[in-house]
Amino acid sequence: MEVILPQDVEKVGLRGEVVDVASGYARNVLIPRRLAEPAAPARVAELEKRAAICARQEASTFEQARELAGVLERTELRFDVKAGPTGSLFGSVTPTDLADELWKVAKVRVDRRKIDLSDPIKKVGRYQVPVELFTDVTATVTTLVVPEGGELPPERVSDTPDEASEPAAQVSDSSEDAAAEETAPE
């Protein structure tokens, strides 16, 4: 028997799908619990029409989300927070703080649950925080957590391993030069 699922049903199908299930399962379980409706030809046609409208609307929403992602990619958030001498914060920067700051800086409303921050930020530094705007549209927001009255040190960490080893090599070269100057006879 073919039925239409008004909501997701585990091991049967997703919302809006027309699925073929055993007639007893449909009559005794799905239909009484309002997990499915019989698939009459008129209901199937209405469902296809609604799916076409949703697809058009989703396409326009997807384009808007991509434009918004471009705005967020260029946005840099700065938090001046109280921090100890080791760089640990007195408190933390949470997704709610990030969402509020995004509204203040870029006038973009983002749900705090869409900000992919596994743990609150508790250290001073630079962070790349992913924000999910729409299905398959994610923007990365640069976030600076700075101690009050202070500045962050210059950026030393890079994404590629080759570049990450270069600053270390430059530091060791300068320390070798300093050591050579100390041991050089006058």
C-alpha atoms as a PDB file:
ATOM      1  CA  MET A   1       0.000   0.000   0.000  1.00  0.00           C
ATOM      2  CA  GLU A   2       1.340   3.440  -0.875  1.00  0.00           C
ATOM      3  CA  VAL A   3       1.247   6.112   1.817  1.00  0.00           C
ATOM      4  CA  ILE A   4       2.435   9.711   2.186  1.00  0.00           C
ATOM      5  CA  LEU A   5       4.580  10.494   5.225  1.00  0.00           C
ATOM      6  CA  PRO A   6       3.761  13.859   6.835  1.00  0.00           C
ATOM      7  CA  GLN A   7       6.851  13.493   9.044  1.00  0.00           C
ATOM      8  CA  ASP A   8      10.049  11.443   9.163  1.00  0.00           C
ATOM      9  CA  VAL A   9       9.448   7.828  10.180  1.00  0.00           C
ATOM     10  CA  GLU A  10      12.467   5.788  11.207  1.00  0.00           C
ATOM     11  CA  LYS A  11      13.251   2.889   8.844  1.00  0.00           C
ATOM     12  CA  VAL A  12      10.345   3.871   6.571  1.00  0.00           C
ATOM     13  CA  GLY A  13      11.087   7.217   4.930  1.00  0.00           C
ATOM     14  CA  LEU A  14      11.426  10.963   5.178  1.00  0.00           C
ATOM     15  CA  ARG A  15       8.787  13.673   5.452  1.00  0.00           C
ATOM     16  CA  GLY A  16       6.860  14.235   2.226  1.00  0.00           C
ATOM     17  CA  GLU A  17       7.857  10.958   0.569  1.00  0.00           C
ATOM     18  CA  VAL A  18       5.427   8.536  -1.021  1.00  0.00           C
ATOM     19  CA  VAL A  19       6.479   5.069   0.181  1.00  0.00           C
ATOM     20  CA  ASP A  20       5.186   1.562  -0.383  1.00  0.00           C
ATOM     21  CA  VAL A  21       4.637  -0.352   2.873  1.00  0.00           C
ATOM     22  CA  ALA A  22       2.756  -3.499   3.834  1.00  0.00           C
ATOM     23  CA  SER A  23      -0.971  -2.778   3.977  1.00  0.00           C
ATOM     24  CA  GLY A  24      -1.309  -4.195   7.513  1.00  0.00           C
ATOM     25  CA  TYR A  25       1.538  -2.010   8.764  1.00  0.00           C
ATOM     26  CA  ALA A  26      -0.079   1.042   7.170  1.00  0.00           C
ATOM     27  CA  ARG A  27      -3.588   0.297   8.513  1.00  0.00           C
ATOM     28  CA  ASN A  28      -2.580  -0.864  12.018  1.00  0.00           C
ATOM     29  CA  VAL A  29       0.443   1.289  12.850  1.00  0.00           C
ATOM     30  CA  LEU A  30       1.163   4.245  10.569  1.00  0.00           C
ATOM     31  CA  ILE A  31      -2.324   5.635   9.837  1.00  0.00           C
ATOM     32  CA  PRO A  32      -3.749   5.341  13.426  1.00  0.00           C
ATOM     33  CA  ARG A  33      -0.653   7.106  14.843  1.00  0.00           C
ATOM     34  CA  ARG A  34      -0.969   9.789  12.138  1.00  0.00           C
ATOM     35  CA  LEU A  35       2.489   8.917  10.808  1.00  0.00           C
ATOM     36  CA  ALA A  36       1.092   8.374   7.302  1.00  0.00           C
ATOM     37  CA  GLU A  37      -1.870   9.176   5.061  1.00  0.00           C
ATOM     38  CA  PRO A  38      -3.220   7.036   2.207  1.00  0.00           C
ATOM     39  CA  ALA A  39      -1.678   8.117  -1.111  1.00  0.00           C
ATOM     40  CA  ALA A  40      -4.635   9.227  -3.212  1.00  0.00           C
ATOM     41  CA  PRO A  41      -3.696  10.527  -6.711  1.00  0.00           C
ATOM     42  CA  ALA A  42      -4.928  14.038  -5.845  1.00  0.00           C
ATOM     43  CA  ARG A  43      -2.783  14.127  -2.651  1.00  0.00           C
ATOM     44  CA  VAL A  44       0.269  12.934  -4.591  1.00  0.00           C
ATOM     45  CA  ALA A  45      -0.224  15.684  -7.204  1.00  0.00           C
ATOM     46  CA  GLU A  46      -0.635  18.291  -4.440  1.00  0.00           C
ATOM     47  CA  LEU A  47       2.539  17.014  -2.778  1.00  0.00           C
ATOM     48  CA  GLU A  48       4.531  17.310  -6.035  1.00  0.00           C
ATOM     49  CA  LYS A  49       3.228  20.860  -6.573  1.00  0.00           C
ATOM     50  CA  ARG A  50       4.229  21.837  -3.019  1.00  0.00           C
ATOM     51  CA  ALA A  51       7.690  20.271  -3.528  1.00  0.00           C
ATOM     52  CA  ALA A  52       8.228  22.364  -6.696  1.00  0.00           C
ATOM     53  CA  ILE A  53       7.306  25.572  -4.838  1.00  0.00           C
ATOM     54  CA  CYS A  54       9.638  24.669  -1.963  1.00  0.00           C
ATOM     55  CA  ALA A  55      12.476  23.944  -4.398  1.00  0.00           C
ATOM     56  CA  ARG A  56      12.094  27.390  -6.011  1.00  0.00           C
ATOM     57  CA  GLN A  57      11.972  29.098  -2.628  1.00  0.00           C
ATOM     58  CA  GLU A  58      14.960  27.108  -1.369  1.00  0.00           C
ATOM     59  CA  ALA A  59      16.990  28.113  -4.429  1.00  0.00           C
ATOM     60  CA  SER A  60      16.413  31.807  -3.719  1.00  0.00           C
ATOM     61  CA  THR A  61      17.120  31.273  -0.012  1.00  0.00           C
ATOM     62  CA  PHE A  62      20.345  29.428  -0.917  1.00  0.00           C
ATOM     63  CA  GLU A  63      21.525  32.408  -2.981  1.00  0.00           C
ATOM     64  CA  GLN A  64      20.725  34.782  -0.120  1.00  0.00           C
ATOM     65  CA  ALA A  65      22.649  32.539   2.281  1.00  0.00           C
ATOM     66  CA  ARG A  66      25.699  32.579  -0.035  1.00  0.00           C
ATOM     67  CA  GLU A  67      25.605  36.397  -0.140  1.00  0.00           C
ATOM     68  CA  LEU A  68      25.340  36.476   3.646  1.00  0.00           C
ATOM     69  CA  ALA A  69      28.267  34.051   3.903  1.00  0.00           C
ATOM     70  CA  GLY A  70      30.387  36.474   1.889  1.00  0.00           C
ATOM     71  CA  VAL A  71      29.540  39.276   4.334  1.00  0.00           C
ATOM     72  CA  LEU A  72      30.383  37.094   7.342  1.00  0.00           C
ATOM     73  CA  GLU A  73      33.679  35.918   5.805  1.00  0.00           C
ATOM     74  CA  ARG A  74      34.839  39.559   5.712  1.00  0.00           C
ATOM     75  CA  THR A  75      33.663  40.239   9.274  1.00  0.00           C
ATOM     76  CA  GLU A  76      36.145  40.220  12.128  1.00  0.00           C
ATOM     77  CA  LEU A  77      34.782  40.064  15.658  1.00  0.00           C
ATOM     78  CA  ARG A  78      36.838  41.467  18.522  1.00  0.00           C
ATOM     79  CA  PHE A  79      36.195  40.683  22.170  1.00  0.00           C
ATOM     80  CA  ASP A  80      38.075  42.670  24.836  1.00  0.00           C
ATOM     81  CA  VAL A  81      37.841  40.433  27.886  1.00  0.00           C
ATOM     82  CA  LYS A  82      39.398  40.200  31.317  1.00  0.00           C
ATOM     83  CA  ALA A  83      42.226  37.686  31.245  1.00  0.00           C
ATOM     84  CA  GLY A  84      44.933  36.432  33.565  1.00  0.00           C
ATOM     85  CA  PRO A  85      48.675  36.663  32.901  1.00  0.00           C
ATOM     86  CA  THR A  86      48.691  33.208  31.245  1.00  0.00           C
ATOM     87  CA  GLY A  87      46.007  34.177  28.739  1.00  0.00           C
ATOM     88  CA  SER A  88      43.111  32.363  30.441  1.00  0.00           C
ATOM     89  CA  LEU A  89      39.877  34.283  30.478  1.00  0.00           C
ATOM     90  CA  PHE A  90      37.876  35.193  33.554  1.00  0.00           C
ATOM     91  CA  GLY A  91      34.706  33.792  32.040  1.00  0.00           C
ATOM     92  CA  SER A  92      34.320  32.666  28.422  1.00  0.00           C
ATOM     93  CA  VAL A  93      33.124  33.666  24.968  1.00  0.00           C
ATOM     94  CA  THR A  94      30.034  31.622  24.094  1.00  0.00           C
ATOM     95  CA  PRO A  95      27.994  31.162  20.900  1.00  0.00           C
ATOM     96  CA  THR A  96      25.434  33.599  22.329  1.00  0.00           C
ATOM     97  CA  ASP A  97      28.157  36.251  22.687  1.00  0.00           C
ATOM     98  CA  LEU A  98      29.237  35.599  19.096  1.00  0.00           C
ATOM     99  CA  ALA A  99      25.653  35.885  17.795  1.00  0.00           C
ATOM    100  CA  ASP A 100      25.134  39.179  19.678  1.00  0.00           C
ATOM    101  CA  GLU A 101      28.422  40.597  18.380  1.00  0.00           C
ATOM    102  CA  LEU A 102      27.560  39.557  14.804  1.00  0.00           C
ATOM    103  CA  TRP A 103      24.362  41.589  15.134  1.00  0.00           C
ATOM    104  CA  LYS A 104      26.252  44.621  16.509  1.00  0.00           C
ATOM    105  CA  VAL A 105      29.063  44.531  13.945  1.00  0.00           C
ATOM    106  CA  ALA A 106      27.476  43.220  10.730  1.00  0.00           C
ATOM    107  CA  LYS A 107      23.738  43.562  11.451  1.00  0.00           C
ATOM    108  CA  VAL A 108      23.301  39.853  10.687  1.00  0.00           C
ATOM    109  CA  ARG A 109      21.015  37.727  12.848  1.00  0.00           C
ATOM    110  CA  VAL A 110      22.389  34.234  13.434  1.00  0.00           C
ATOM    111  CA  ASP A 111      20.871  31.599  15.683  1.00  0.00           C
ATOM    112  CA  ARG A 112      23.356  30.674  18.425  1.00  0.00           C
ATOM    113  CA  ARG A 113      22.748  26.965  17.711  1.00  0.00           C
ATOM    114  CA  LYS A 114      24.083  27.452  14.168  1.00  0.00           C
ATOM    115  CA  ILE A 115      27.459  28.627  15.501  1.00  0.00           C
ATOM    116  CA  ASP A 116      29.694  25.560  15.546  1.00  0.00           C
ATOM    117  CA  LEU A 117      31.667  26.125  18.739  1.00  0.00           C
ATOM    118  CA  SER A 118      32.133  22.813  20.539  1.00  0.00           C
ATOM    119  CA  ASP A 119      33.347  24.447  23.776  1.00  0.00           C
ATOM    120  CA  PRO A 120      33.240  28.100  24.844  1.00  0.00           C
ATOM    121  CA  ILE A 121      36.428  30.056  24.133  1.00  0.00           C
ATOM    122  CA  LYS A 122      38.458  30.313  27.343  1.00  0.00           C
ATOM    123  CA  LYS A 123      41.857  31.502  26.058  1.00  0.00           C
ATOM    124  CA  VAL A 124      43.123  34.683  24.449  1.00  0.00           C
ATOM    125  CA  GLY A 125      43.838  34.269  20.733  1.00  0.00           C
ATOM    126  CA  ARG A 126      42.586  34.179  17.157  1.00  0.00           C
ATOM    127  CA  TYR A 127      39.795  31.774  16.282  1.00  0.00           C
ATOM    128  CA  GLN A 128      38.087  30.717  13.052  1.00  0.00           C
ATOM    129  CA  VAL A 129      34.483  29.985  14.008  1.00  0.00           C
ATOM    130  CA  PRO A 130      32.231  28.195  11.464  1.00  0.00           C
ATOM    131  CA  VAL A 131      28.633  29.421  11.217  1.00  0.00           C
ATOM    132  CA  GLU A 132      26.049  27.310   9.352  1.00  0.00           C
ATOM    133  CA  LEU A 133      23.711  29.648   7.494  1.00  0.00           C
ATOM    134  CA  PHE A 134      21.831  27.155   5.351  1.00  0.00           C
ATOM    135  CA  THR A 135      22.194  23.561   4.210  1.00  0.00           C
ATOM    136  CA  ASP A 136      25.654  23.333   2.589  1.00  0.00           C
ATOM    137  CA  VAL A 137      26.372  27.053   3.226  1.00  0.00           C
ATOM    138  CA  THR A 138      28.869  27.673   6.004  1.00  0.00           C
ATOM    139  CA  ALA A 139      30.781  30.878   6.687  1.00  0.00           C
ATOM    140  CA  THR A 140      33.925  31.145   8.789  1.00  0.00           C
ATOM    141  CA  VAL A 141      34.041  34.184  11.047  1.00  0.00           C
ATOM    142  CA  THR A 142      37.391  35.447  12.307  1.00  0.00           C
ATOM    143  CA  THR A 143      37.187  36.067  16.040  1.00  0.00           C
ATOM    144  CA  LEU A 144      39.837  37.861  18.093  1.00  0.00           C
ATOM    145  CA  VAL A 145      39.767  37.383  21.851  1.00  0.00           C
ATOM    146  CA  VAL A 146      42.003  40.112  23.277  1.00  0.00           C
ATOM    147  CA  PRO A 147      42.868  40.874  26.907  1.00  0.00           C
ATOM    148  CA  GLU A 148      41.512  44.235  28.130  1.00  0.00           C
ATOM    149  CA  GLY A 149      44.028  46.988  27.479  1.00  0.00           C
ATOM    150  CA  GLY A 150      46.313  44.646  25.555  1.00  0.00           C
ATOM    151  CA  GLU A 151      46.969  43.401  22.055  1.00  0.00           C
ATOM    152  CA  LEU A 152      47.433  39.976  20.536  1.00  0.00           C
ATOM    153  CA  PRO A 153      50.942  38.946  19.519  1.00  0.00           C
ATOM    154  CA  PRO A 154      51.592  38.758  15.757  1.00  0.00           C
ATOM    155  CA  GLU A 155      50.030  35.758  14.056  1.00  0.00           C
ATOM    156  CA  ARG A 156      52.511  32.890  13.985  1.00  0.00           C
ATOM    157  CA  VAL A 157      50.428  29.799  13.335  1.00  0.00           C
ATOM    158  CA  SER A 158      49.554  29.005   9.705  1.00  0.00           C
ATOM    159  CA  ASP A 159      47.410  26.388   8.050  1.00  0.00           C
ATOM    160  CA  THR A 160      50.047  24.623   5.960  1.00  0.00           C
ATOM    161  CA  PRO A 161      52.814  22.587   7.577  1.00  0.00           C
ATOM    162  CA  ASP A 162      55.518  24.087   5.325  1.00  0.00           C
ATOM    163  CA  GLU A 163      54.714  27.626   6.407  1.00  0.00           C
ATOM    164  CA  ALA A 164      54.397  26.578  10.035  1.00  0.00           C
ATOM    165  CA  SER A 165      57.972  25.305  10.049  1.00  0.00           C
ATOM    166  CA  GLU A 166      59.394  28.502   8.503  1.00  0.00           C
ATOM    167  CA  PRO A 167      58.943  30.797  11.532  1.00  0.00           C
ATOM    168  CA  ALA A 168      60.565  28.154  13.726  1.00  0.00           C
ATOM    169  CA  ALA A 169      63.497  28.018  11.304  1.00  0.00           C
ATOM    170  CA  GLN A 170      63.808  31.815  11.371  1.00  0.00           C
ATOM    171  CA  VAL A 171      63.801  31.824  15.166  1.00  0.00           C
ATOM    172  CA  SER A 172      66.523  29.173  15.307  1.00  0.00           C
ATOM    173  CA  ASP A 173      68.632  31.112  12.754  1.00  0.00           C
ATOM    174  CA  SER A 174      68.456  34.281  14.821  1.00  0.00           C
ATOM    175  CA  SER A 175      69.301  32.389  18.017  1.00  0.00           C
ATOM    176  CA  GLU A 176      72.314  30.817  16.272  1.00  0.00           C
ATOM    177  CA  ASP A 177      73.437  34.308  15.165  1.00  0.00           C
ATOM    178  CA  ALA A 178      73.055  35.568  18.731  1.00  0.00           C
ATOM    179  CA  ALA A 179      75.020  32.570  20.053  1.00  0.00           C
ATOM    180  CA  ALA A 180      77.739  33.156  17.455  1.00  0.00           C
ATOM    181  CA  GLU A 181      77.994  36.828  18.459  1.00  0.00           C
ATOM    182  CA  GLU A 182      78.352  35.902  22.138  1.00  0.00           C
ATOM    183  CA  THR A 183      81.176  33.407  21.467  1.00  0.00           C
ATOM    184  CA  ALA A 184      82.999  35.526  18.887  1.00  0.00           C
ATOM    185  CA  PRO A 185      86.365  36.868  20.177  1.00  0.00           C
ATOM    186  CA  GLU A 186      86.765  40.627  20.205  1.00  0.00           C
END
